[in-house]
Amino acid sequence: IRIFSRDEKKQHDLRIKYNNKKIKFIIGDIRDMPSVI
């Protein structure tokens, strides 16, 4: 499960909440084409 968002704090909170290796976090902006692709 890949989580794509710009909010590092919320990603950190979710990482602690779920503590699940199959969740991967990606910092990016939906308007940035290279990040999306």
Full PDB file with SEQRES, HELIX, SHEET, SSBOND, CRYST1, ORIGX, SCALE, CONECT and MASTER records, all heavy atoms in Angstrom:
SEQRES   1 A   37  ILE ARG ILE PHE SER ARG ASP GLU LYS LYS GLN HIS ASP          
SEQRES   2 A   37  LEU ARG ILE LYS TYR ASN ASN LYS LYS ILE LYS PHE ILE          
SEQRES   3 A   37  ILE GLY ASP ILE ARG ASP MET PRO SER VAL ILE                  
HELIX    1 AA1 GLU A    8  TYR A   18  1                                  11    
HELIX    2 AA2 MET A   33  VAL A   36  1                                   4    
SHEET    1 AA1 2 ARG A   2  SER A   5  0                                        
SHEET    2 AA1 2 LYS A  24  ILE A  27  1                                        
CRYST1    1.000    1.000    1.000  90.00  90.00  90.00 P 1           1          
ORIGX1      1.000000  0.000000  0.000000        0.00000                         
ORIGX2      0.000000  1.000000  0.000000        0.00000                         
ORIGX3      0.000000  0.000000  1.000000        0.00000                         
SCALE1      1.000000  0.000000  0.000000        0.00000                         
SCALE2      0.000000  1.000000  0.000000        0.00000                         
SCALE3      0.000000  0.000000  1.000000        0.00000                         
ATOM      1  N   ILE A   1       0.869  -1.177   0.000  1.00  0.00           N  
ATOM      2  CA  ILE A   1       0.000   0.000   0.000  1.00  0.00           C  
ATOM      3  C   ILE A   1       0.903   1.224   0.000  1.00  0.00           C  
ATOM      4  O   ILE A   1       1.665   1.439   0.942  1.00  0.00           O  
ATOM      5  CB  ILE A   1      -0.914   0.028   1.243  1.00  0.00           C  
ATOM      6  CG1 ILE A   1      -1.800  -1.219   1.289  1.00  0.00           C  
ATOM      7  CG2 ILE A   1      -1.772   1.293   1.244  1.00  0.00           C  
ATOM      8  CD1 ILE A   1      -2.585  -1.354   2.589  1.00  0.00           C  
ATOM      9  N   ARG A   2       0.814   2.037  -1.049  1.00  0.00           N  
ATOM     10  CA  ARG A   2       1.646   3.232  -1.152  1.00  0.00           C  
ATOM     11  C   ARG A   2       0.813   4.465  -0.805  1.00  0.00           C  
ATOM     12  O   ARG A   2      -0.252   4.689  -1.382  1.00  0.00           O  
ATOM     13  CB  ARG A   2       2.222   3.374  -2.560  1.00  0.00           C  
ATOM     14  CG  ARG A   2       3.117   2.228  -2.970  1.00  0.00           C  
ATOM     15  CD  ARG A   2       3.713   2.440  -4.354  1.00  0.00           C  
ATOM     16  NE  ARG A   2       4.391   1.240  -4.831  1.00  0.00           N  
ATOM     17  CZ  ARG A   2       4.940   1.111  -6.032  1.00  0.00           C  
ATOM     18  NH1 ARG A   2       4.897   2.141  -6.878  1.00  0.00           N  
ATOM     19  NH2 ARG A   2       5.522  -0.015  -6.387  1.00  0.00           N  
ATOM     20  N   ILE A   3       1.323   5.241   0.123  1.00  0.00           N  
ATOM     21  CA  ILE A   3       0.670   6.475   0.546  1.00  0.00           C  
ATOM     22  C   ILE A   3       1.443   7.651  -0.039  1.00  0.00           C  
ATOM     23  O   ILE A   3       2.608   7.867   0.293  1.00  0.00           O  
ATOM     24  CB  ILE A   3       0.626   6.593   2.081  1.00  0.00           C  
ATOM     25  CG1 ILE A   3      -0.110   5.399   2.687  1.00  0.00           C  
ATOM     26  CG2 ILE A   3      -0.023   7.909   2.500  1.00  0.00           C  
ATOM     27  CD1 ILE A   3      -1.551   5.291   2.273  1.00  0.00           C  
ATOM     28  N   PHE A   4       0.801   8.411  -0.907  1.00  0.00           N  
ATOM     29  CA  PHE A   4       1.431   9.545  -1.583  1.00  0.00           C  
ATOM     30  C   PHE A   4       0.793  10.833  -1.074  1.00  0.00           C  
ATOM     31  O   PHE A   4      -0.418  11.032  -1.200  1.00  0.00           O  
ATOM     32  CB  PHE A   4       1.214   9.408  -3.090  1.00  0.00           C  
ATOM     33  CG  PHE A   4       1.873  10.478  -3.929  1.00  0.00           C  
ATOM     34  CD1 PHE A   4       3.015  10.199  -4.659  1.00  0.00           C  
ATOM     35  CD2 PHE A   4       1.317  11.745  -4.019  1.00  0.00           C  
ATOM     36  CE1 PHE A   4       3.605  11.186  -5.460  1.00  0.00           C  
ATOM     37  CE2 PHE A   4       1.900  12.732  -4.808  1.00  0.00           C  
ATOM     38  CZ  PHE A   4       3.054  12.452  -5.524  1.00  0.00           C  
ATOM     39  N   SER A   5       1.604  11.694  -0.472  1.00  0.00           N  
ATOM     40  CA  SER A   5       1.085  12.976   0.002  1.00  0.00           C  
ATOM     41  C   SER A   5       2.248  13.923   0.268  1.00  0.00           C  
ATOM     42  O   SER A   5       3.419  13.527   0.244  1.00  0.00           O  
ATOM     43  CB  SER A   5       0.255  12.800   1.286  1.00  0.00           C  
ATOM     44  OG  SER A   5       1.087  12.617   2.413  1.00  0.00           O  
ATOM     45  N   ARG A   6       1.915  15.182   0.596  1.00  0.00           N  
ATOM     46  CA  ARG A   6       2.949  16.184   0.877  1.00  0.00           C  
ATOM     47  C   ARG A   6       3.201  16.359   2.362  1.00  0.00           C  
ATOM     48  O   ARG A   6       4.119  17.066   2.760  1.00  0.00           O  
ATOM     49  CB  ARG A   6       2.529  17.534   0.284  1.00  0.00           C  
ATOM     50  CG  ARG A   6       2.460  17.556  -1.212  1.00  0.00           C  
ATOM     51  CD  ARG A   6       2.076  18.929  -1.724  1.00  0.00           C  
ATOM     52  NE  ARG A   6       0.706  19.286  -1.378  1.00  0.00           N  
ATOM     53  CZ  ARG A   6       0.147  20.452  -1.655  1.00  0.00           C  
ATOM     54  NH1 ARG A   6       0.862  21.385  -2.259  1.00  0.00           N  
ATOM     55  NH2 ARG A   6      -1.094  20.702  -1.328  1.00  0.00           N  
ATOM     56  N   ASP A   7       2.392  15.723   3.193  1.00  0.00           N  
ATOM     57  CA  ASP A   7       2.427  15.988   4.632  1.00  0.00           C  
ATOM     58  C   ASP A   7       3.301  14.967   5.359  1.00  0.00           C  
ATOM     59  O   ASP A   7       2.868  13.852   5.672  1.00  0.00           O  
ATOM     60  CB  ASP A   7       1.002  15.965   5.190  1.00  0.00           C  
ATOM     61  CG  ASP A   7       0.898  16.634   6.549  1.00  0.00           C  
ATOM     62  OD1 ASP A   7       1.807  16.406   7.381  1.00  0.00           O  
ATOM     63  OD2 ASP A   7      -0.073  17.372   6.780  1.00  0.00           O  
ATOM     64  N   GLU A   8       4.545  15.344   5.628  1.00  0.00           N  
ATOM     65  CA  GLU A   8       5.479  14.435   6.299  1.00  0.00           C  
ATOM     66  C   GLU A   8       5.021  14.095   7.711  1.00  0.00           C  
ATOM     67  O   GLU A   8       5.184  12.957   8.179  1.00  0.00           O  
ATOM     68  CB  GLU A   8       6.876  15.063   6.343  1.00  0.00           C  
ATOM     69  CG  GLU A   8       7.532  15.212   4.991  1.00  0.00           C  
ATOM     70  CD  GLU A   8       8.960  15.709   5.098  1.00  0.00           C  
ATOM     71  OE1 GLU A   8       9.764  15.063   5.805  1.00  0.00           O  
ATOM     72  OE2 GLU A   8       9.276  16.743   4.484  1.00  0.00           O  
ATOM     73  N   LYS A   9       4.447  15.066   8.428  1.00  0.00           N  
ATOM     74  CA  LYS A   9       4.006  14.834   9.800  1.00  0.00           C  
ATOM     75  C   LYS A   9       2.905  13.782   9.844  1.00  0.00           C  
ATOM     76  O   LYS A   9       2.943  12.854  10.658  1.00  0.00           O  
ATOM     77  CB  LYS A   9       3.502  16.144  10.402  1.00  0.00           C  
ATOM     78  CG  LYS A   9       2.867  16.009  11.795  1.00  0.00           C  
ATOM     79  CD  LYS A   9       3.864  15.493  12.831  1.00  0.00           C  
ATOM     80  CE  LYS A   9       3.348  15.630  14.251  1.00  0.00           C  
ATOM     81  NZ  LYS A   9       2.075  14.927  14.510  1.00  0.00           N  
ATOM     82  N   LYS A  10       1.927  13.912   8.957  1.00  0.00           N  
ATOM     83  CA  LYS A  10       0.833  12.936   8.940  1.00  0.00           C  
ATOM     84  C   LYS A  10       1.323  11.560   8.499  1.00  0.00           C  
ATOM     85  O   LYS A  10       0.845  10.533   8.989  1.00  0.00           O  
ATOM     86  CB  LYS A  10      -0.298  13.419   8.032  1.00  0.00           C  
ATOM     87  CG  LYS A  10      -1.079  14.595   8.610  1.00  0.00           C  
ATOM     88  CD  LYS A  10      -2.235  14.987   7.714  1.00  0.00           C  
ATOM     89  CE  LYS A  10      -3.042  16.128   8.322  1.00  0.00           C  
ATOM     90  NZ  LYS A  10      -4.166  16.548   7.438  1.00  0.00           N  
ATOM     91  N   GLN A  11       2.282  11.542   7.581  1.00  0.00           N  
ATOM     92  CA  GLN A  11       2.854  10.254   7.188  1.00  0.00           C  
ATOM     93  C   GLN A  11       3.550   9.600   8.379  1.00  0.00           C  
ATOM     94  O   GLN A  11       3.428   8.392   8.600  1.00  0.00           O  
ATOM     95  CB  GLN A  11       3.825  10.439   6.022  1.00  0.00           C  
ATOM     96  CG  GLN A  11       3.141  10.719   4.694  1.00  0.00           C  
ATOM     97  CD  GLN A  11       4.083  10.535   3.518  1.00  0.00           C  
ATOM     98  OE1 GLN A  11       5.206  10.043   3.662  1.00  0.00           O  
ATOM     99  NE2 GLN A  11       3.632  10.920   2.323  1.00  0.00           N  
ATOM    100  N   HIS A  12       4.278  10.399   9.132  1.00  0.00           N  
ATOM    101  CA  HIS A  12       4.963   9.889  10.325  1.00  0.00           C  
ATOM    102  C   HIS A  12       3.960   9.323  11.329  1.00  0.00           C  
ATOM    103  O   HIS A  12       4.165   8.234  11.889  1.00  0.00           O  
ATOM    104  CB  HIS A  12       5.787  11.004  10.970  1.00  0.00           C  
ATOM    105  CG  HIS A  12       6.446  10.614  12.248  1.00  0.00           C  
ATOM    106  ND1 HIS A  12       7.506   9.728  12.314  1.00  0.00           N  
ATOM    107  CD2 HIS A  12       6.170  10.978  13.546  1.00  0.00           C  
ATOM    108  CE1 HIS A  12       7.869   9.565  13.571  1.00  0.00           C  
ATOM    109  NE2 HIS A  12       7.079  10.307  14.330  1.00  0.00           N  
ATOM    110  N   ASP A  13       2.862  10.048  11.525  1.00  0.00           N  
ATOM    111  CA  ASP A  13       1.836   9.592  12.465  1.00  0.00           C  
ATOM    112  C   ASP A  13       1.215   8.270  12.011  1.00  0.00           C  
ATOM    113  O   ASP A  13       0.973   7.373  12.837  1.00  0.00           O  
ATOM    114  CB  ASP A  13       0.737  10.653  12.610  1.00  0.00           C  
ATOM    115  CG  ASP A  13       1.233  11.916  13.306  1.00  0.00           C  
ATOM    116  OD1 ASP A  13       2.295  11.854  13.958  1.00  0.00           O  
ATOM    117  OD2 ASP A  13       0.557  12.961  13.190  1.00  0.00           O  
ATOM    118  N   LEU A  14       0.978   8.135  10.703  1.00  0.00           N  
ATOM    119  CA  LEU A  14       0.404   6.891  10.177  1.00  0.00           C  
ATOM    120  C   LEU A  14       1.406   5.741  10.284  1.00  0.00           C  
ATOM    121  O   LEU A  14       1.018   4.602  10.563  1.00  0.00           O  
ATOM    122  CB  LEU A  14      -0.018   7.075   8.719  1.00  0.00           C  
ATOM    123  CG  LEU A  14      -1.252   7.934   8.462  1.00  0.00           C  
ATOM    124  CD1 LEU A  14      -1.497   8.069   6.961  1.00  0.00           C  
ATOM    125  CD2 LEU A  14      -2.490   7.339   9.132  1.00  0.00           C  
ATOM    126  N   ARG A  15       2.670   6.060  10.078  1.00  0.00           N  
ATOM    127  CA  ARG A  15       3.703   5.028  10.190  1.00  0.00           C  
ATOM    128  C   ARG A  15       3.732   4.453  11.611  1.00  0.00           C  
ATOM    129  O   ARG A  15       3.847   3.232  11.807  1.00  0.00           O  
ATOM    130  CB  ARG A  15       5.067   5.621   9.823  1.00  0.00           C  
ATOM    131  CG  ARG A  15       6.180   4.583   9.729  1.00  0.00           C  
ATOM    132  CD  ARG A  15       7.501   5.223   9.343  1.00  0.00           C  
ATOM    133  NE  ARG A  15       7.507   5.661   7.953  1.00  0.00           N  
ATOM    134  CZ  ARG A  15       7.490   6.924   7.555  1.00  0.00           C  
ATOM    135  NH1 ARG A  15       7.460   7.908   8.451  1.00  0.00           N  
ATOM    136  NH2 ARG A  15       7.511   7.243   6.274  1.00  0.00           N  
ATOM    137  N   ILE A  16       3.605   5.323  12.591  1.00  0.00           N  
ATOM    138  CA  ILE A  16       3.578   4.878  13.989  1.00  0.00           C  
ATOM    139  C   ILE A  16       2.273   4.156  14.302  1.00  0.00           C  
ATOM    140  O   ILE A  16       2.261   3.102  14.974  1.00  0.00           O  
ATOM    141  CB  ILE A  16       3.764   6.080  14.929  1.00  0.00           C  
ATOM    142  CG1 ILE A  16       5.167   6.666  14.778  1.00  0.00           C  
ATOM    143  CG2 ILE A  16       3.507   5.673  16.381  1.00  0.00           C  
ATOM    144  CD1 ILE A  16       5.398   7.924  15.578  1.00  0.00           C  
ATOM    145  N   LYS A  17       1.151   4.678  13.812  1.00  0.00           N  
ATOM    146  CA  LYS A  17      -0.160   4.107  14.108  1.00  0.00           C  
ATOM    147  C   LYS A  17      -0.278   2.674  13.611  1.00  0.00           C  
ATOM    148  O   LYS A  17      -0.749   1.785  14.345  1.00  0.00           O  
ATOM    149  CB  LYS A  17      -1.258   4.968  13.470  1.00  0.00           C  
ATOM    150  CG  LYS A  17      -2.667   4.415  13.644  1.00  0.00           C  
ATOM    151  CD  LYS A  17      -3.694   5.305  12.970  1.00  0.00           C  
ATOM    152  CE  LYS A  17      -5.104   4.710  13.093  1.00  0.00           C  
ATOM    153  NZ  LYS A  17      -6.118   5.587  12.430  1.00  0.00           N  
ATOM    154  N   TYR A  18       0.145   2.428  12.368  1.00  0.00           N  
ATOM    155  CA  TYR A  18      -0.070   1.105  11.775  1.00  0.00           C  
ATOM    156  C   TYR A  18       1.127   0.164  11.947  1.00  0.00           C  
ATOM    157  O   TYR A  18       0.944  -1.049  12.044  1.00  0.00           O  
ATOM    158  CB  TYR A  18      -0.413   1.247  10.290  1.00  0.00           C  
ATOM    159  CG  TYR A  18      -1.797   1.811  10.065  1.00  0.00           C  
ATOM    160  CD1 TYR A  18      -1.966   3.131   9.648  1.00  0.00           C  
ATOM    161  CD2 TYR A  18      -2.936   1.048  10.284  1.00  0.00           C  
ATOM    162  CE1 TYR A  18      -3.233   3.660   9.444  1.00  0.00           C  
ATOM    163  CE2 TYR A  18      -4.207   1.565  10.080  1.00  0.00           C  
ATOM    164  CZ  TYR A  18      -4.345   2.875   9.662  1.00  0.00           C  
ATOM    165  OH  TYR A  18      -5.606   3.388   9.467  1.00  0.00           O  
ATOM    166  N   ASN A  19       2.340   0.727  11.943  1.00  0.00           N  
ATOM    167  CA  ASN A  19       3.541  -0.092  12.118  1.00  0.00           C  
ATOM    168  C   ASN A  19       3.473  -1.347  11.248  1.00  0.00           C  
ATOM    169  O   ASN A  19       3.621  -2.482  11.711  1.00  0.00           O  
ATOM    170  CB  ASN A  19       3.719  -0.483  13.591  1.00  0.00           C  
ATOM    171  CG  ASN A  19       5.079  -1.127  13.855  1.00  0.00           C  
ATOM    172  OD1 ASN A  19       6.062  -0.837  13.160  1.00  0.00           O  
ATOM    173  ND2 ASN A  19       5.132  -2.006  14.857  1.00  0.00           N  
ATOM    174  N   ASN A  20       3.221  -1.117   9.955  1.00  0.00           N  
ATOM    175  CA  ASN A  20       2.991  -2.229   9.027  1.00  0.00           C  
ATOM    176  C   ASN A  20       3.960  -2.107   7.856  1.00  0.00           C  
ATOM    177  O   ASN A  20       3.987  -1.088   7.158  1.00  0.00           O  
ATOM    178  CB  ASN A  20       1.543  -2.186   8.532  1.00  0.00           C  
ATOM    179  CG  ASN A  20       1.152  -3.438   7.784  1.00  0.00           C  
ATOM    180  OD1 ASN A  20       1.851  -3.869   6.885  1.00  0.00           O  
ATOM    181  ND2 ASN A  20       0.005  -4.009   8.147  1.00  0.00           N  
ATOM    182  N   LYS A  21       4.746  -3.146   7.626  1.00  0.00           N  
ATOM    183  CA  LYS A  21       5.797  -3.093   6.616  1.00  0.00           C  
ATOM    184  C   LYS A  21       5.259  -2.992   5.195  1.00  0.00           C  
ATOM    185  O   LYS A  21       5.993  -2.573   4.283  1.00  0.00           O  
ATOM    186  CB  LYS A  21       6.692  -4.326   6.745  1.00  0.00           C  
ATOM    187  CG  LYS A  21       7.529  -4.352   8.020  1.00  0.00           C  
ATOM    188  CD  LYS A  21       8.439  -5.557   8.058  1.00  0.00           C  
ATOM    189  CE  LYS A  21       9.292  -5.565   9.321  1.00  0.00           C  
ATOM    190  NZ  LYS A  21      10.182  -6.760   9.369  1.00  0.00           N  
ATOM    191  N   LYS A  22       4.017  -3.379   4.988  1.00  0.00           N  
ATOM    192  CA  LYS A  22       3.514  -3.326   3.613  1.00  0.00           C  
ATOM    193  C   LYS A  22       3.027  -1.919   3.229  1.00  0.00           C  
ATOM    194  O   LYS A  22       2.709  -1.670   2.077  1.00  0.00           O  
ATOM    195  CB  LYS A  22       2.402  -4.348   3.387  1.00  0.00           C  
ATOM    196  CG  LYS A  22       1.085  -4.076   4.071  1.00  0.00           C  
ATOM    197  CD  LYS A  22       0.103  -5.204   3.720  1.00  0.00           C  
ATOM    198  CE  LYS A  22      -1.257  -4.998   4.377  1.00  0.00           C  
ATOM    199  NZ  LYS A  22      -2.192  -6.088   4.052  1.00  0.00           N  
ATOM    200  N   ILE A  23       2.998  -0.978   4.191  1.00  0.00           N  
ATOM    201  CA  ILE A  23       2.643   0.411   3.890  1.00  0.00           C  
ATOM    202  C   ILE A  23       3.921   1.187   3.585  1.00  0.00           C  
ATOM    203  O   ILE A  23       4.820   1.267   4.415  1.00  0.00           O  
ATOM    204  CB  ILE A  23       1.900   1.075   5.060  1.00  0.00           C  
ATOM    205  CG1 ILE A  23       0.631   0.296   5.420  1.00  0.00           C  
ATOM    206  CG2 ILE A  23       1.535   2.507   4.696  1.00  0.00           C  
ATOM    207  CD1 ILE A  23      -0.122   0.886   6.597  1.00  0.00           C  
ATOM    208  N   LYS A  24       4.000   1.736   2.389  1.00  0.00           N  
ATOM    209  CA  LYS A  24       5.146   2.528   1.964  1.00  0.00           C  
ATOM    210  C   LYS A  24       4.709   3.985   1.815  1.00  0.00           C  
ATOM    211  O   LYS A  24       3.617   4.259   1.302  1.00  0.00           O  
ATOM    212  CB  LYS A  24       5.695   2.020   0.634  1.00  0.00           C  
ATOM    213  CG  LYS A  24       5.966   0.521   0.590  1.00  0.00           C  
ATOM    214  CD  LYS A  24       7.030   0.101   1.587  1.00  0.00           C  
ATOM    215  CE  LYS A  24       7.307  -1.392   1.485  1.00  0.00           C  
ATOM    216  NZ  LYS A  24       8.286  -1.850   2.497  1.00  0.00           N  
ATOM    217  N   PHE A  25       5.547   4.907   2.246  1.00  0.00           N  
ATOM    218  CA  PHE A  25       5.192   6.325   2.229  1.00  0.00           C  
ATOM    219  C   PHE A  25       6.028   7.083   1.205  1.00  0.00           C  
ATOM    220  O   PHE A  25       7.250   6.922   1.149  1.00  0.00           O  
ATOM    221  CB  PHE A  25       5.378   6.931   3.624  1.00  0.00           C  
ATOM    222  CG  PHE A  25       4.435   6.361   4.647  1.00  0.00           C  
ATOM    223  CD1 PHE A  25       4.805   5.278   5.420  1.00  0.00           C  
ATOM    224  CD2 PHE A  25       3.164   6.899   4.818  1.00  0.00           C  
ATOM    225  CE1 PHE A  25       3.936   4.737   6.363  1.00  0.00           C  
ATOM    226  CE2 PHE A  25       2.288   6.376   5.757  1.00  0.00           C  
ATOM    227  CZ  PHE A  25       2.671   5.295   6.533  1.00  0.00           C  
ATOM    228  N   ILE A  26       5.360   7.905   0.407  1.00  0.00           N  
ATOM    229  CA  ILE A  26       6.014   8.689  -0.644  1.00  0.00           C  
ATOM    230  C   ILE A  26       5.663  10.162  -0.452  1.00  0.00           C  
ATOM    231  O   ILE A  26       4.480  10.520  -0.412  1.00  0.00           O  
ATOM    232  CB  ILE A  26       5.548   8.240  -2.046  1.00  0.00           C  
ATOM    233  CG1 ILE A  26       5.823   6.747  -2.254  1.00  0.00           C  
ATOM    234  CG2 ILE A  26       6.232   9.076  -3.128  1.00  0.00           C  
ATOM    235  CD1 ILE A  26       5.177   6.185  -3.514  1.00  0.00           C  
ATOM    236  N   ILE A  27       6.684  10.996  -0.321  1.00  0.00           N  
ATOM    237  CA  ILE A  27       6.475  12.441  -0.243  1.00  0.00           C  
ATOM    238  C   ILE A  27       6.442  12.991  -1.668  1.00  0.00           C  
ATOM    239  O   ILE A  27       7.365  12.776  -2.448  1.00  0.00           O  
ATOM    240  CB  ILE A  27       7.601  13.131   0.551  1.00  0.00           C  
ATOM    241  CG1 ILE A  27       7.605  12.647   2.006  1.00  0.00           C  
ATOM    242  CG2 ILE A  27       7.434  14.644   0.492  1.00  0.00           C  
ATOM    243  CD1 ILE A  27       6.398  13.078   2.796  1.00  0.00           C  
ATOM    244  N   GLY A  28       5.356  13.676  -2.017  1.00  0.00           N  
ATOM    245  CA  GLY A  28       5.264  14.213  -3.367  1.00  0.00           C  
ATOM    246  C   GLY A  28       4.053  15.107  -3.530  1.00  0.00           C  
ATOM    247  O   GLY A  28       3.184  15.175  -2.666  1.00  0.00           O  
ATOM    248  N   ASP A  29       4.005  15.786  -4.665  1.00  0.00           N  
ATOM    249  CA  ASP A  29       2.926  16.708  -4.998  1.00  0.00           C  
ATOM    250  C   ASP A  29       2.184  16.155  -6.199  1.00  0.00           C  
ATOM    251  O   ASP A  29       2.799  15.841  -7.228  1.00  0.00           O  
ATOM    252  CB  ASP A  29       3.506  18.087  -5.313  1.00  0.00           C  
ATOM    253  CG  ASP A  29       2.439  19.170  -5.410  1.00  0.00           C  
ATOM    254  OD1 ASP A  29       1.371  18.895  -5.998  1.00  0.00           O  
ATOM    255  OD2 ASP A  29       2.678  20.287  -4.923  1.00  0.00           O  
ATOM    256  N   ILE A  30       0.871  16.052  -6.097  1.00  0.00           N  
ATOM    257  CA  ILE A  30       0.056  15.487  -7.159  1.00  0.00           C  
ATOM    258  C   ILE A  30       0.179  16.273  -8.457  1.00  0.00           C  
ATOM    259  O   ILE A  30      -0.074  15.760  -9.546  1.00  0.00           O  
ATOM    260  CB  ILE A  30      -1.429  15.412  -6.713  1.00  0.00           C  
ATOM    261  CG1 ILE A  30      -2.290  14.639  -7.723  1.00  0.00           C  
ATOM    262  CG2 ILE A  30      -1.997  16.794  -6.504  1.00  0.00           C  
ATOM    263  CD1 ILE A  30      -1.981  13.199  -7.822  1.00  0.00           C  
ATOM    264  N   ARG A  31       0.613  17.536  -8.371  1.00  0.00           N  
ATOM    265  CA  ARG A  31       0.750  18.372  -9.567  1.00  0.00           C  
ATOM    266  C   ARG A  31       2.109  18.234 -10.228  1.00  0.00           C  
ATOM    267  O   ARG A  31       2.359  18.843 -11.279  1.00  0.00           O  
ATOM    268  CB  ARG A  31       0.489  19.837  -9.205  1.00  0.00           C  
ATOM    269  CG  ARG A  31      -0.935  20.100  -8.760  1.00  0.00           C  
ATOM    270  CD  ARG A  31      -1.064  21.438  -8.066  1.00  0.00           C  
ATOM    271  NE  ARG A  31      -0.298  21.464  -6.825  1.00  0.00           N  
ATOM    272  CZ  ARG A  31      -0.240  22.512  -6.002  1.00  0.00           C  
ATOM    273  NH1 ARG A  31      -0.899  23.609  -6.311  1.00  0.00           N  
ATOM    274  NH2 ARG A  31       0.475  22.462  -4.896  1.00  0.00           N  
ATOM    275  N   ASP A  32       3.005  17.426  -9.646  1.00  0.00           N  
ATOM    276  CA  ASP A  32       4.349  17.236 -10.185  1.00  0.00           C  
ATOM    277  C   ASP A  32       4.380  15.929 -10.981  1.00  0.00           C  
ATOM    278  O   ASP A  32       4.325  14.842 -10.406  1.00  0.00           O  
ATOM    279  CB  ASP A  32       5.365  17.196  -9.045  1.00  0.00           C  
ATOM    280  CG  ASP A  32       6.774  16.954  -9.541  1.00  0.00           C  
ATOM    281  OD1 ASP A  32       7.243  17.713 -10.401  1.00  0.00           O  
ATOM    282  OD2 ASP A  32       7.402  15.976  -9.076  1.00  0.00           O  
ATOM    283  N   MET A  33       4.453  16.045 -12.311  1.00  0.00           N  
ATOM    284  CA  MET A  33       4.329  14.873 -13.167  1.00  0.00           C  
ATOM    285  C   MET A  33       5.373  13.787 -12.886  1.00  0.00           C  
ATOM    286  O   MET A  33       5.021  12.600 -12.799  1.00  0.00           O  
ATOM    287  CB  MET A  33       4.373  15.274 -14.646  1.00  0.00           C  
ATOM    288  CG  MET A  33       4.082  14.109 -15.588  1.00  0.00           C  
ATOM    289  SD  MET A  33       4.043  14.607 -17.319  1.00  0.00           S  
ATOM    290  CE  MET A  33       2.649  15.728 -17.306  1.00  0.00           C  
ATOM    291  N   PRO A  34       6.665  14.116 -12.757  1.00  0.00           N  
ATOM    292  CA  PRO A  34       7.642  13.056 -12.482  1.00  0.00           C  
ATOM    293  C   PRO A  34       7.330  12.280 -11.198  1.00  0.00           C  
ATOM    294  O   PRO A  34       7.484  11.062 -11.156  1.00  0.00           O  
ATOM    295  CB  PRO A  34       8.970  13.818 -12.377  1.00  0.00           C  
ATOM    296  CG  PRO A  34       8.759  15.036 -13.211  1.00  0.00           C  
ATOM    297  CD  PRO A  34       7.329  15.423 -12.985  1.00  0.00           C  
ATOM    298  N   SER A  35       6.871  12.998 -10.167  1.00  0.00           N  
ATOM    299  CA  SER A  35       6.529  12.320  -8.910  1.00  0.00           C  
ATOM    300  C   SER A  35       5.367  11.364  -9.093  1.00  0.00           C  
ATOM    301  O   SER A  35       5.370  10.245  -8.579  1.00  0.00           O  
ATOM    302  CB  SER A  35       6.166  13.351  -7.833  1.00  0.00           C  
ATOM    303  OG  SER A  35       7.269  14.153  -7.501  1.00  0.00           O  
ATOM    304  N   VAL A  36       4.364  11.819  -9.834  1.00  0.00           N  
ATOM    305  CA  VAL A  36       3.188  10.981 -10.074  1.00  0.00           C  
ATOM    306  C   VAL A  36       3.570   9.734 -10.855  1.00  0.00           C  
ATOM    307  O   VAL A  36       3.201   8.609 -10.488  1.00  0.00           O  
ATOM    308  CB  VAL A  36       2.098  11.783 -10.821  1.00  0.00           C  
ATOM    309  CG1 VAL A  36       0.979  10.867 -11.292  1.00  0.00           C  
ATOM    310  CG2 VAL A  36       1.538  12.864  -9.913  1.00  0.00           C  
ATOM    311  N   ILE A  37       4.314   9.916 -11.938  1.00  0.00           N  
ATOM    312  CA  ILE A  37       4.678   8.785 -12.791  1.00  0.00           C  
ATOM    313  C   ILE A  37       5.560   7.794 -12.043  1.00  0.00           C  
ATOM    314  O   ILE A  37       5.356   6.575 -12.112  1.00  0.00           O  
ATOM    315  CB  ILE A  37       5.372   9.286 -14.072  1.00  0.00           C  
ATOM    316  CG1 ILE A  37       4.353  10.048 -14.936  1.00  0.00           C  
ATOM    317  CG2 ILE A  37       5.978   8.136 -14.852  1.00  0.00           C  
ATOM    318  CD1 ILE A  37       4.939  10.681 -16.181  1.00  0.00           C  
TER     319      ILE A  37                                                      
MASTER        0    0    0    2    2    0    0    6  318    1    0    3          
END                                                                             
